[in-house]
Every structure is written in structure tokens, then in C-alpha cells.
């Protein structure tokens, strides 16, 4: 005789936003992509669960949805909001599981104060077990994914599950279509030794690539839904140059446009760079970090070789690939002169966009351990681990000089004169991407006019 029908469980997966210094939540109406963590977790969830997804950057979290379990993932400055949401759901009697980079690399006790369970590392091997335990009213607290996830085990998602995309806006707004990129992944991790990087801590300095045929299958499923602009969410898709070349060759006949982030080494392998351009590469975020080789050596990124930056940027621009330069300011070996010389270099070599960062001593990294041993950690309030807070005692300038230089560098780089000098004349290739870059520059200029101190708000 069969028993009563099994209750259908409900799972609420949330990607939280983060707080600004005035306590307000960061929201956006121009969202150029969606993350894959929530759709991939949905694909790992047993079919008897009903799953709802929300990205708080663009939609509100429904605290009263009658779910059984809430899953929240967080990186960097998201963690304070993640904890607050977790506490509010638990007050309503919901079970909460936390995961993501920050939860994995920081002391687990702090996260367990706000959750019934946490997932440490890559979720593929433990997610179903964690949900099953919570549904049964038990938990072993920390669900640790031991060992790396093999390429064929990496969770796949159905593009139809990208419920995070605002389809109404995507279909109606030409500007939204210009910015929106469909997300996918080719690789996980990074083998490089940069001492400040949480990626190598999370992945334990492992690196692997998915089979190219699987990636091309993802591309074709996205194209079937009308997508032609893709964003590889990889930390460094060219870390295995041979595998990257195989992927780029396979992408050429697909006739798509793509963006990603990677190291400057892409410009130093002519075959790799040519294949990237031919495969549709239009925009790359590249961690230059500093123009000073000695500064880079201190954070184990001397392989960047700044003496070659000018030629690297010329090669990228010749192929129509726009660059978002990522640069740290306030790190050891830099002075107040760093701000001016860096902006001058970026202007001269026509860099499209820039993001400045102050040093962030993420828990678990070698950089964090060194700053703590030297007594230079200034702040362990994780809500302040954003893009521009002073978290480490600077050595080459005062706190105020770092704050003033950070803001002044942004205003100078995104001044109208600087935009004209960097963006004109346009390159011969990828004119649509170039137009999007011009729009992004003008929007940032307008933002900085309204908010003269950009401290920690440029993301």
C-alpha cells in the first residue's frame, strides 16, 4: 500500500546585490549579462524540486515566497547583503544554504552563524546531498567538494533557464540589446601565482577546460534563441593556449561576437590573437595591475612585463579588440605620481575602458596573510570589500592621497577630452562594439558628473 504523496519541495536561488556606503542597495536597469551560478544550480537540483531564481541587481527578493530552502551565493561585497537576506529568511522559518567564493575561502564559522549549511568549493558533487539533508530536517553544516571537478562533470545549463534576463527590456530596448551578452563557460580556475587572487585560492590553483564540442553545443543552443553576442565567464580562458586555439578555430564558422577576461599574454602569441579575433573576440578585460615591473613582482605578477604593454595594446587595437584595463592603485611601490602616469599611458594607447581597484586582502590569499602578519589590515568588515575602500595601510601615500588620487584618476580618464582622444578615430573592425564603448564612456562621464567621488561605486 502506497503512502501519502510526497511533498513537492520549493527552492529559492538568489544572487544578492550589495550595499552602498549610505546603506542603499545597488540596482541596475542596464544589465549586460547574467551569471550562470543559479541556472547551473538549478540543473543540479533533483527534478522533484520547484526552483525559482532571482538576481537582486534587477529584481526584488520576495521574502514571503513559501519556499522550503533558500540558496544564496556571494562574492566580495555581496556577502553583507547575503548574510542579511539569510537572517531574514531564517526568521521566517526557511532553511538557508550559503555558497560561493567568499563563503568558501573565508572562515566557515562566520557563515554558519547565518545559515543551516554552507557549500565549500564547486557544488557539483555535494548539491543534491545538501538539499536532501535539509529537506529531511538535518544538516552536517559544511558540505565540502573534495578534489577538482572534471571537465565533463561541470554543470551545464539550459539557456531557456536564464530567467534572470529581463526579456521584456531585451526585446524592447536597442540599448539593452547592444549591451546584453549571453553567458557561457569554457574553463575553470587559473594556474597563475598572483598573490592577491581569490580565484587561485578557491580553485586551489587548478585549471581545466571543457570539451570544445560541449561549448559549441552551448553556442548553438544560444544562437537558436537569437543570441549572437556571448560572454565567456572564465577567469582566464587562454591559460591553456592549445585548448584555447582549438576553441577559437571551432568558433570561427559560428559567426558570433564574444567578450571575456584574460591575461595580457593573449597579445604575445600571434596565432592565438589572430584566432581570437577571427572567432569574434570584440572585448577583453585584462589585468594590467601596474605599469611598474617591480610592483608586479611584489604580488607575483611579474610575468605581465609592462615594457611590452604598448605593443600589446597596439596589436589588440589593430584587430578591433577593445580593452577594459584593470589596474590596482595604492599597492606597495606606488606613489601619488602613479595616478597621473597611469592615466596618461591609457590615453596615449587608446584604452577603451578602465576599472581601478584598491588592494583587497581576500581571506585565504597569500596577500591577506602577509598584510595580517605585517599588521597592515585596516578593516575586516566584509561589506567594505568593494572596489575602492582602503583595506590595507598604504606605504607610498596617505589615506587621503589615495582617496583623492583614485577619484581624480576616474574623472580624468572619463573626461570628454580623454574620451575623444581614446575613442577617435574608430578602429577598422568591430564598429558596433566600439559604439557600445563610446556609449559606456559617456554614461560613466555623466555618472561622475553627478557623483564626483566615485569611491567604491564604479563596478
Foldseek 3Di string as FASTA:
>chain_A
DDDDDDDQAEEEEEEEFAADPVGDTAADPQDAEDDCPQQLLVLLEPPSYHYDYEYVNHDPDDLPDPGAEYEYEDDFLRVVVVLVSLQSNVVVVHAYEYEYLQCQQDPVVVVLVRHLAYEHADCQPCSHVQVVQSVVVHHPHYHYDPDDDAQVSRGDGQLVPPPHDPVVCCVVPPLSVLRYAYEDAFKAAAQAQQQQDSRCLRRVNDMDTHPLVVVVVVVVSCVVVVGQEHEHAYPALCNPVVRLLVNLVVLLVVNGAYEYEHELCCLVDVSSVVSCLSSHYAEYEYELAALDLVLCVVRRNNVNPSVCVLVSLVSCQQSNHAYAYEYEPLGPPDALVRLVVVLVVCLVSLHLHYAYAYRARRRRGNSVVVQVVVVFADDPPSSQRFRFDPGGQGDHYHPVSSQVSVLVSLQVCLPPVSNCSRLPPHHPPDVSVSVSSSVVSVVSNVVCVVVSRCGRVDD
